[in-house]
Amino acid sequence: MLSYVVACITLFNSGKSELMIRARGRSIPKAVDTVEMLKHSFFKGLFVKSVEIGSEDIRSYNGQEISISIIEIIIVKETNMETET
């Protein structure tokens, strides 16, 4: 999970002010933990702009159609805030 946090920090530090974190299935808790770690440990002024949930139909390796849960979290960093390392 720390690699996702580092990737988000890199994008924010390169000038991005808004990121979308998207996860499917068993990776959903990792996405939520990433956002929470960014909010509480690395950035002041970071907030969740929106959260959307849903499902996608995909074809499994054996050809069977299955539905998988998805989450999209959009986070925004105020541009005048600094990293709090």
C-alpha atoms as a PDB file:
ATOM      1  CA  MET A   1       0.000   0.000   0.000  1.00  0.00           C
ATOM      2  CA  LEU A   2       2.868   2.370   0.699  1.00  0.00           C
ATOM      3  CA  SER A   3       3.766   2.365  -2.999  1.00  0.00           C
ATOM      4  CA  TYR A   4       0.302   3.810  -3.759  1.00  0.00           C
ATOM      5  CA  VAL A   5       0.801   6.513  -1.128  1.00  0.00           C
ATOM      6  CA  VAL A   6       4.205   7.396  -2.614  1.00  0.00           C
ATOM      7  CA  ALA A   7       2.708   7.521  -6.115  1.00  0.00           C
ATOM      8  CA  CYS A   8      -0.003   9.945  -4.930  1.00  0.00           C
ATOM      9  CA  ILE A   9       2.539  12.126  -3.118  1.00  0.00           C
ATOM     10  CA  THR A  10       4.661  12.231  -6.283  1.00  0.00           C
ATOM     11  CA  LEU A  11       1.674  13.308  -8.386  1.00  0.00           C
ATOM     12  CA  PHE A  12       0.627  15.986  -5.893  1.00  0.00           C
ATOM     13  CA  ASN A  13       4.193  17.302  -5.666  1.00  0.00           C
ATOM     14  CA  SER A  14       4.418  17.465  -9.468  1.00  0.00           C
ATOM     15  CA  GLY A  15       1.556  19.962  -9.534  1.00  0.00           C
ATOM     16  CA  LYS A  16      -1.607  17.871  -9.635  1.00  0.00           C
ATOM     17  CA  SER A  17      -4.314  19.149  -7.317  1.00  0.00           C
ATOM     18  CA  GLU A  18      -6.859  16.367  -7.897  1.00  0.00           C
ATOM     19  CA  LEU A  19      -6.461  12.589  -8.125  1.00  0.00           C
ATOM     20  CA  MET A  20      -8.835   9.698  -8.686  1.00  0.00           C
ATOM     21  CA  ILE A  21      -8.097   6.495  -6.816  1.00  0.00           C
ATOM     22  CA  ARG A  22      -9.992   3.561  -8.287  1.00  0.00           C
ATOM     23  CA  ALA A  23     -10.104   0.004  -7.026  1.00  0.00           C
ATOM     24  CA  ARG A  24     -11.996  -3.202  -7.694  1.00  0.00           C
ATOM     25  CA  GLY A  25     -12.869  -6.179  -5.548  1.00  0.00           C
ATOM     26  CA  ARG A  26     -10.483  -7.061  -2.743  1.00  0.00           C
ATOM     27  CA  SER A  27      -8.343  -3.973  -3.450  1.00  0.00           C
ATOM     28  CA  ILE A  28     -11.055  -1.595  -2.207  1.00  0.00           C
ATOM     29  CA  PRO A  29      -9.758  -1.536   1.401  1.00  0.00           C
ATOM     30  CA  LYS A  30      -6.273  -0.711   0.085  1.00  0.00           C
ATOM     31  CA  ALA A  31      -7.665   2.318  -1.777  1.00  0.00           C
ATOM     32  CA  VAL A  32      -9.513   3.538   1.315  1.00  0.00           C
ATOM     33  CA  ASP A  33      -6.425   3.048   3.500  1.00  0.00           C
ATOM     34  CA  THR A  34      -4.310   4.957   0.973  1.00  0.00           C
ATOM     35  CA  VAL A  35      -6.646   7.955   1.081  1.00  0.00           C
ATOM     36  CA  GLU A  36      -6.805   7.900   4.876  1.00  0.00           C
ATOM     37  CA  MET A  37      -3.021   7.722   5.187  1.00  0.00           C
ATOM     38  CA  LEU A  38      -2.608  10.658   2.798  1.00  0.00           C
ATOM     39  CA  LYS A  39      -5.187  12.724   4.703  1.00  0.00           C
ATOM     40  CA  HIS A  40      -3.916  12.032   8.197  1.00  0.00           C
ATOM     41  CA  SER A  41      -0.159  11.628   7.761  1.00  0.00           C
ATOM     42  CA  PHE A  42       1.069  13.561   4.753  1.00  0.00           C
ATOM     43  CA  PHE A  43      -1.062  16.520   3.677  1.00  0.00           C
ATOM     44  CA  LYS A  44      -2.971  19.269   5.382  1.00  0.00           C
ATOM     45  CA  GLY A  45      -5.830  20.545   3.263  1.00  0.00           C
ATOM     46  CA  LEU A  46      -6.494  17.234   1.534  1.00  0.00           C
ATOM     47  CA  PHE A  47     -10.150  16.326   1.282  1.00  0.00           C
ATOM     48  CA  VAL A  48     -12.381  13.796  -0.423  1.00  0.00           C
ATOM     49  CA  LYS A  49     -14.322  15.480  -3.193  1.00  0.00           C
ATOM     50  CA  SER A  50     -16.472  12.475  -4.071  1.00  0.00           C
ATOM     51  CA  VAL A  51     -16.846   8.749  -3.646  1.00  0.00           C
ATOM     52  CA  GLU A  52     -18.676   6.595  -6.154  1.00  0.00           C
ATOM     53  CA  ILE A  53     -19.415   2.916  -5.827  1.00  0.00           C
ATOM     54  CA  GLY A  54     -20.734   0.440  -8.303  1.00  0.00           C
ATOM     55  CA  SER A  55     -20.078  -2.841 -10.005  1.00  0.00           C
ATOM     56  CA  GLU A  56     -18.698  -4.073 -13.302  1.00  0.00           C
ATOM     57  CA  ASP A  57     -19.495  -7.247 -15.144  1.00  0.00           C
ATOM     58  CA  ILE A  58     -16.343  -9.051 -16.215  1.00  0.00           C
ATOM     59  CA  ARG A  59     -15.576 -12.409 -17.759  1.00  0.00           C
ATOM     60  CA  SER A  60     -13.527 -14.713 -15.535  1.00  0.00           C
ATOM     61  CA  TYR A  61     -10.678 -16.908 -16.725  1.00  0.00           C
ATOM     62  CA  ASN A  62     -13.111 -19.788 -17.317  1.00  0.00           C
ATOM     63  CA  GLY A  63     -15.488 -17.650 -19.404  1.00  0.00           C
ATOM     64  CA  GLN A  64     -18.108 -17.092 -16.726  1.00  0.00           C
ATOM     65  CA  GLU A  65     -19.637 -13.600 -16.305  1.00  0.00           C
ATOM     66  CA  ILE A  66     -19.171 -12.248 -12.798  1.00  0.00           C
ATOM     67  CA  SER A  67     -19.961  -8.929 -11.125  1.00  0.00           C
ATOM     68  CA  ILE A  68     -17.194  -7.186  -9.219  1.00  0.00           C
ATOM     69  CA  SER A  69     -17.504  -4.182  -6.891  1.00  0.00           C
ATOM     70  CA  ILE A  70     -15.685  -0.930  -7.706  1.00  0.00           C
ATOM     71  CA  ILE A  71     -14.954   2.315  -5.880  1.00  0.00           C
ATOM     72  CA  GLU A  72     -13.708   5.656  -7.212  1.00  0.00           C
ATOM     73  CA  ILE A  73     -12.438   8.194  -4.708  1.00  0.00           C
ATOM     74  CA  ILE A  74     -11.559  11.685  -5.917  1.00  0.00           C
ATOM     75  CA  ILE A  75      -9.217  13.551  -3.592  1.00  0.00           C
ATOM     76  CA  VAL A  76      -8.260  17.199  -3.832  1.00  0.00           C
ATOM     77  CA  LYS A  77      -5.264  18.987  -2.351  1.00  0.00           C
ATOM     78  CA  GLU A  78      -5.461  22.708  -1.782  1.00  0.00           C
ATOM     79  CA  THR A  79      -2.639  24.115  -3.878  1.00  0.00           C
ATOM     80  CA  ASN A  80      -1.323  26.480  -1.210  1.00  0.00           C
ATOM     81  CA  MET A  81      -0.694  23.730   1.354  1.00  0.00           C
ATOM     82  CA  GLU A  82       2.704  22.075   1.851  1.00  0.00           C
ATOM     83  CA  THR A  83       3.709  18.484   2.548  1.00  0.00           C
ATOM     84  CA  GLU A  84       3.817  17.675   6.218  1.00  0.00           C
ATOM     85  CA  THR A  85       6.485  14.927   6.245  1.00  0.00           C
END
